[in-house]
Protein backbone atom coordinates (compact mmCIF):
# COMPACT_ATOMS: atom_id res chain seq x y z
CA UNK A 1 -89.97 13.75 36.35
CA UNK A 2 -87.82 10.74 35.52
CA UNK A 3 -84.64 11.71 33.48
CA UNK A 4 -84.40 15.26 34.72
CA UNK A 5 -81.83 14.50 37.35
CA UNK A 6 -78.07 14.72 37.50
CA UNK A 7 -77.85 16.82 34.54
CA UNK A 8 -74.73 19.23 33.92
CA UNK A 9 -75.76 22.61 35.48
CA UNK A 10 -77.16 24.77 32.82
CA UNK A 11 -78.53 28.29 33.11
CA UNK A 12 -82.05 28.81 31.86
CA UNK A 13 -83.28 32.28 31.82
CA UNK A 14 -86.75 32.23 32.71
CA UNK A 15 -88.67 34.81 34.84
CA UNK A 16 -90.36 33.71 38.06
CA UNK A 17 -93.66 34.56 36.39
CA UNK A 18 -93.01 31.64 33.81
CA UNK A 19 -93.03 28.90 36.49
CA UNK A 20 -95.31 26.37 35.20
CA UNK A 21 -98.40 24.74 36.90
CA UNK A 22 -97.80 21.29 35.40
CA UNK A 23 -94.62 19.45 34.59
CA UNK A 24 -95.90 18.74 31.21
CA UNK A 25 -95.96 22.57 30.27
CA UNK A 26 -92.55 23.13 31.57
CA UNK A 27 -91.16 20.32 29.23
CA UNK A 28 -93.13 21.68 26.37
CA UNK A 29 -91.67 25.14 26.99
CA UNK A 30 -88.21 23.60 27.36
CA UNK A 31 -88.41 21.78 24.23
CA UNK A 32 -89.31 24.90 22.38
CA UNK A 33 -86.08 26.63 23.53
CA UNK A 34 -83.37 26.29 20.64
CA UNK A 35 -80.54 26.56 23.14
CA UNK A 36 -81.60 23.85 25.38
CA UNK A 37 -81.67 21.02 22.82
CA UNK A 38 -78.96 19.14 24.69
CA UNK A 39 -80.50 19.35 27.87
CA UNK A 40 -83.81 17.97 26.37
CA UNK A 41 -81.75 15.06 24.90
CA UNK A 42 -79.95 14.27 27.96
CA UNK A 43 -83.31 14.25 30.02
CA UNK A 44 -84.84 11.98 27.22
CA UNK A 45 -87.61 14.45 26.60
CA UNK A 46 -87.27 14.52 22.97
CA UNK A 47 -89.58 13.01 20.39
CA UNK A 48 -90.31 10.56 19.01
CA UNK A 49 -90.31 8.89 22.25
CA UNK A 50 -89.76 5.54 20.97
CA UNK A 51 -86.32 6.70 19.82
CA UNK A 52 -85.55 8.32 23.32
CA UNK A 53 -86.40 5.11 24.95
CA UNK A 54 -84.16 3.06 22.72
CA UNK A 55 -81.31 5.58 23.31
CA UNK A 56 -81.85 5.04 26.97
CA UNK A 57 -81.84 1.36 26.59
CA UNK A 58 -78.60 1.51 24.71
CA UNK A 59 -76.91 4.02 27.26
CA UNK A 60 -73.86 2.98 29.27
CA UNK A 61 -76.22 3.90 32.28
CA UNK A 62 -78.82 1.09 31.44
CA UNK A 63 -76.05 -1.22 30.50
CA UNK A 64 -74.86 -0.96 34.12
CA UNK A 65 -78.39 -1.57 35.47
CA UNK A 66 -78.71 -4.58 33.36
CA UNK A 67 -75.52 -6.09 34.61
CA UNK A 68 -76.76 -5.57 38.30
CA UNK A 69 -80.08 -7.30 37.19
CA UNK A 70 -77.89 -10.10 35.92
CA UNK A 71 -80.39 -12.13 33.95
CA UNK A 72 -83.33 -11.70 36.47
CA UNK A 73 -86.82 -12.25 34.91
CA UNK A 74 -90.30 -12.16 36.21
CA UNK A 75 -92.44 -9.14 37.24
CA UNK A 76 -90.89 -5.84 37.54
CA UNK A 77 -92.48 -2.55 38.88
CA UNK A 78 -91.03 0.80 37.38
CA UNK A 79 -91.73 3.49 40.06
CA UNK A 80 -92.29 6.98 39.04
CA UNK A 81 -92.19 5.86 35.61
CA UNK A 82 -92.40 9.20 33.86
CA UNK A 83 -92.34 8.76 30.00
CA UNK A 84 -91.55 5.23 30.44
CA UNK A 85 -88.05 4.91 29.14
CA UNK A 86 -87.04 2.52 32.05
CA UNK A 87 -90.31 0.56 31.56
CA UNK A 88 -89.25 0.07 27.98
CA UNK A 89 -85.87 -1.03 28.95
CA UNK A 90 -87.18 -3.46 31.52
CA UNK A 91 -89.56 -4.93 29.01
CA UNK A 92 -86.91 -5.34 26.46
CA UNK A 93 -84.94 -7.31 29.16
CA UNK A 94 -87.75 -9.79 29.18
CA UNK A 95 -89.74 -8.57 32.37
CA UNK A 96 -93.39 -8.29 32.73
CA UNK A 97 -93.58 -4.72 33.60
CA UNK A 98 -95.96 -2.54 35.59
CA UNK A 99 -95.29 1.22 35.25
CA UNK A 100 -96.34 3.39 38.23
CA UNK A 101 -96.93 6.94 37.29
CA UNK A 102 -99.33 9.45 38.85
CA UNK A 103 -99.07 12.08 36.01
CA UNK A 104 -101.62 11.33 33.24
CA UNK A 105 -99.86 13.44 30.79
CA UNK A 106 -99.56 12.40 27.07
CA UNK A 107 -96.06 13.84 26.96
CA UNK A 108 -94.43 13.00 30.40
CA UNK A 109 -96.72 10.86 31.94
CA UNK A 110 -98.93 7.63 32.01
CA UNK A 111 -100.60 8.31 28.52
CA UNK A 112 -97.13 8.68 27.06
CA UNK A 113 -96.13 5.30 28.45
CA UNK A 114 -99.22 3.67 26.87
CA UNK A 115 -98.51 5.06 23.66
CA UNK A 116 -94.85 3.96 23.76
CA UNK A 117 -95.93 0.36 24.77
CA UNK A 118 -98.40 0.19 21.79
CA UNK A 119 -95.97 1.63 19.39
CA UNK A 120 -93.04 -0.85 20.66
CA UNK A 121 -95.38 -3.87 20.87
CA UNK A 122 -94.45 -4.20 24.57
CA UNK A 123 -96.78 -5.27 27.37
CA UNK A 124 -96.51 -2.66 29.96
CA UNK A 125 -99.32 -2.18 32.61
CA UNK A 126 -99.71 1.46 33.70
CA UNK A 127 -101.02 2.31 36.92
CA UNK A 128 -101.67 6.04 38.07
CA UNK A 129 -100.53 6.02 41.63
CA UNK A 130 -97.80 7.43 43.96
CA UNK A 131 -94.91 5.47 45.53
CA UNK A 132 -95.94 5.89 49.09
CA UNK A 133 -99.21 4.13 48.38
CA UNK A 134 -98.66 1.14 46.15
CA UNK A 135 -101.81 -0.78 45.10
CA UNK A 136 -100.47 -4.13 44.99
CA UNK A 137 -100.49 -7.17 47.23
CA UNK A 138 -97.44 -8.23 49.39
CA UNK A 139 -94.78 -10.14 47.56
CA UNK A 140 -95.91 -9.22 43.93
CA UNK A 141 -92.68 -8.30 42.13
CA UNK A 142 -89.41 -9.82 41.38
CA UNK A 143 -87.52 -6.60 40.82
CA UNK A 144 -88.35 -2.76 41.52
CA UNK A 145 -86.70 0.04 39.72
CA UNK A 146 -86.80 3.77 40.61
CA UNK A 147 -84.84 6.09 38.60
CA UNK A 148 -84.39 9.46 40.35
CA UNK A 149 -87.67 8.85 42.40
CA UNK A 150 -86.91 8.68 46.12
CA UNK A 151 -85.75 12.28 46.51
CA UNK A 152 -89.20 13.44 45.08
CA UNK A 153 -91.23 11.43 47.73
CA UNK A 154 -92.94 13.29 50.21
CA UNK A 155 -92.41 10.50 52.75
CA UNK A 156 -89.24 8.65 52.09
CA UNK A 157 -89.61 6.09 54.82
CA UNK A 158 -93.07 5.05 53.76
CA UNK A 159 -91.90 4.73 50.15
CA UNK A 160 -89.26 2.55 51.11
CA UNK A 161 -91.47 0.35 53.31
CA UNK A 162 -94.02 0.03 50.62
CA UNK A 163 -91.16 -1.07 48.12
CA UNK A 164 -90.09 -3.62 50.54
CA UNK A 165 -93.70 -4.91 50.99
CA UNK A 166 -94.32 -5.58 47.38
CA UNK A 167 -90.98 -7.22 46.73
CA UNK A 168 -90.96 -11.07 46.80
CA UNK A 169 -88.49 -12.70 48.99
CA UNK A 170 -85.10 -12.82 47.26
CA UNK A 171 -86.34 -9.66 45.04
CA UNK A 172 -84.09 -6.69 44.34
CA UNK A 173 -84.60 -2.88 44.47
CA UNK A 174 -82.58 -0.56 42.45
CA UNK A 175 -82.88 3.13 43.40
CA UNK A 176 -80.94 4.95 40.71
CA UNK A 177 -79.62 8.37 40.73
CA UNK A 178 -80.68 9.92 43.98
CA UNK A 179 -79.55 13.46 44.94
CA UNK A 180 -77.52 13.68 48.12
CA UNK A 181 -76.43 16.52 50.31
CA UNK A 182 -73.68 16.64 52.84
CA UNK A 183 -75.60 18.93 55.38
CA UNK A 184 -79.00 20.32 55.32
CA UNK A 185 -77.72 23.85 54.45
CA UNK A 186 -76.63 22.64 51.13
CA UNK A 187 -80.28 22.09 49.92
CA UNK A 188 -80.79 25.60 49.05
CA UNK A 189 -77.55 25.84 46.88
CA UNK A 190 -78.67 22.58 45.15
CA UNK A 191 -82.00 23.87 44.27
CA UNK A 192 -80.79 27.23 43.13
CA UNK A 193 -78.22 25.39 40.62
CA UNK A 194 -80.45 22.72 39.33
CA UNK A 195 -81.28 23.34 35.69
CA UNK A 196 -84.99 22.51 35.77
CA UNK A 197 -86.12 23.20 39.32
CA UNK A 198 -87.13 26.82 38.46
CA UNK A 199 -89.43 25.61 35.82
CA UNK A 200 -91.73 23.82 37.90
CA UNK A 201 -90.38 22.87 41.43
CA UNK A 202 -90.37 19.48 43.09
CA UNK A 203 -86.70 18.78 43.32
CA UNK A 204 -85.06 17.66 46.63
CA UNK A 205 -82.21 15.96 48.13
CA UNK A 206 -81.46 14.20 51.43
CA UNK A 207 -78.43 13.35 53.37
CA UNK A 208 -76.78 9.85 52.64
CA UNK A 209 -77.49 8.72 56.04
CA UNK A 210 -81.23 9.37 55.58
CA UNK A 211 -81.44 7.08 52.56
CA UNK A 212 -79.59 4.42 54.20
CA UNK A 213 -81.69 4.69 57.28
CA UNK A 214 -84.99 4.45 55.17
CA UNK A 215 -83.95 1.52 53.14
CA UNK A 216 -82.44 -0.40 56.13
CA UNK A 217 -85.46 0.53 58.35
CA UNK A 218 -87.81 -0.85 55.57
CA UNK A 219 -86.33 -4.34 56.09
CA UNK A 220 -83.97 -4.83 53.14
CA UNK A 221 -81.35 -7.49 54.01
CA UNK A 222 -78.52 -5.55 52.40
CA UNK A 223 -78.08 -2.22 50.89
CA UNK A 224 -75.24 -1.61 48.59
CA UNK A 225 -74.17 2.03 47.87
CA UNK A 226 -72.93 3.11 44.33
CA UNK A 227 -70.97 6.48 44.86
CA UNK A 228 -71.22 9.30 42.40
CA UNK A 229 -67.82 8.72 40.36
CA UNK A 230 -67.69 5.03 40.32
CA UNK A 231 -70.76 3.85 38.44
CA UNK A 232 -71.97 4.61 34.70
CA UNK A 233 -75.39 5.04 36.27
CA UNK A 234 -74.49 7.96 38.35
CA UNK A 235 -72.22 9.57 35.67
CA UNK A 236 -74.79 9.83 32.94
CA UNK A 237 -75.01 11.82 30.79
CA UNK A 238 -71.25 11.51 30.83
CA UNK A 239 -69.26 8.27 30.40
CA UNK A 240 -65.80 7.60 31.76
CA UNK A 241 -64.36 8.67 28.43
CA UNK A 242 -66.44 11.78 27.81
CA UNK A 243 -65.90 13.01 31.55
CA UNK A 244 -62.18 12.57 30.95
CA UNK A 245 -62.27 14.65 27.90
CA UNK A 246 -64.29 17.27 29.73
CA UNK A 247 -61.76 17.32 32.49
CA UNK A 248 -58.83 17.61 30.02
CA UNK A 249 -60.74 20.68 28.40
CA UNK A 250 -61.25 22.36 31.88
CA UNK A 251 -57.61 21.75 32.88
CA UNK A 252 -56.27 22.97 29.37
CA UNK A 253 -58.31 26.39 29.88
CA UNK A 254 -56.49 26.85 33.18
CA UNK A 255 -53.23 25.66 32.18
CA UNK A 256 -52.80 25.41 28.45
CA UNK A 257 -50.89 22.13 28.13
CA UNK A 258 -53.57 20.08 26.50
CA UNK A 259 -51.10 17.27 25.09
CA UNK A 260 -49.69 16.97 28.64
CA UNK A 261 -53.09 16.57 30.30
CA UNK A 262 -54.09 13.91 27.54
CA UNK A 263 -51.12 11.96 28.22
CA UNK A 264 -51.45 12.01 32.08
CA UNK A 265 -55.28 11.08 31.86
CA UNK A 266 -54.96 8.95 28.97
CA UNK A 267 -55.01 5.45 30.82
CA UNK A 268 -58.69 4.59 31.86
CA UNK A 269 -57.33 2.63 34.61
CA UNK A 270 -55.18 5.64 35.90
CA UNK A 271 -58.31 8.02 35.33
CA UNK A 272 -60.52 5.67 37.32
CA UNK A 273 -58.12 5.50 40.21
CA UNK A 274 -57.91 9.35 40.18
CA UNK A 275 -61.79 9.40 40.39
CA UNK A 276 -61.58 7.16 43.35
CA UNK A 277 -59.32 9.51 45.09
CA UNK A 278 -61.52 12.58 44.14
CA UNK A 279 -64.54 10.88 45.45
CA UNK A 280 -63.18 11.38 49.06
CA UNK A 281 -63.44 15.06 48.57
CA UNK A 282 -66.65 15.32 46.66
CA UNK A 283 -69.17 17.33 48.44
CA UNK A 284 -71.08 18.85 45.70
CA UNK A 285 -74.70 19.51 46.73
CA UNK A 286 -76.92 17.13 44.79
CA UNK A 287 -74.39 14.63 43.87
CA UNK A 288 -75.81 11.35 42.63
CA UNK A 289 -76.00 8.08 44.44
CA UNK A 290 -77.51 4.71 43.57
CA UNK A 291 -78.71 1.91 45.91
CA UNK A 292 -78.99 -1.80 45.42
CA UNK A 293 -81.21 -3.39 47.78
CA UNK A 294 -82.12 -7.05 48.42
CA UNK A 295 -84.99 -8.56 50.37
CA UNK A 296 -83.87 -11.81 52.20
CA UNK A 297 -85.25 -15.19 51.05
CA UNK A 298 -87.83 -16.59 53.29
């Protein structure tokens, strides 16, 4: 279900009886709702798939990931690849890509990735398996990327250990856009407000310490944490500019002094500094974190 995470809270009126048996059916239903077009676009569930993949590749989110990869090449594993938008981006970056996706779907799964690779003329090997059981030898990949995947795992610790195992010494694991809660009691509130959870289920969130413990316990030499409001990876579908515009709009509704708010928040440096302050008080259930993990060289 890559791409369905971290979206603005949007109420979807769907009866309990409309809960779908497969994620493919849920996405097809969603795409047929005229009032949910923006949500579909934000989740990269629109067709043609190659256009959605190219839009992701051009996004501020992926450009931030690309900067973290910093010219790395070699073999890359895209875990929980979904429709293949990250596999496409990794291949465009020059990696030899393996996409791990257990869902065989032609719309949201392995068959969609194969069709995307063929249309784009990219070499992407698709493997239908889950992240807790990686069918690869030790030290196989130079990079592993997982977009909104860890919080879906049934066994977080096993998934992290498996990722560490298949990384080569000196390799990098990027776990992007993972849902975090401040306390276990917040989980229900997060699930209730998630725009897509009611269609199919499968959403989850962990405490920040749980992610860090699982990654460190797997053996990673270092775990760098990207907090919710500092990285374009976590902000998507917002950018710094569009988030500032949204905040100005919200403040203007409460206190109708739009010109003042625009001036006060006009400087990107000032606005970024304010976000850093706001982050200390950010306890939203399900807020997004990303993790950059490195495996020590032998």
